[in-house]
Amino acid sequence: MQDKNQDKHLILNEQEQRLVQMIRELKYGELHIFVSDGKPVRAEVIKKSVKL
């Protein structure tokens, strides 16, 4: 018996494709993602964090 989820495919819009690419190119760090109407609208790579 096949799993129901195996037949489903995700279709990413342009913003989602760009987000996935950003994540893949990020070697390490933190990424803040801003979402509007269920879609990513902005992503910020956090460059520096200082622990006091």
Foldseek 3Di string as FASTA:
>chain_A
DDDPVVPDDDDDDPQVVVVVVVVVPDPDFDKDFDDDPRGTDDIDTDDDDDDD
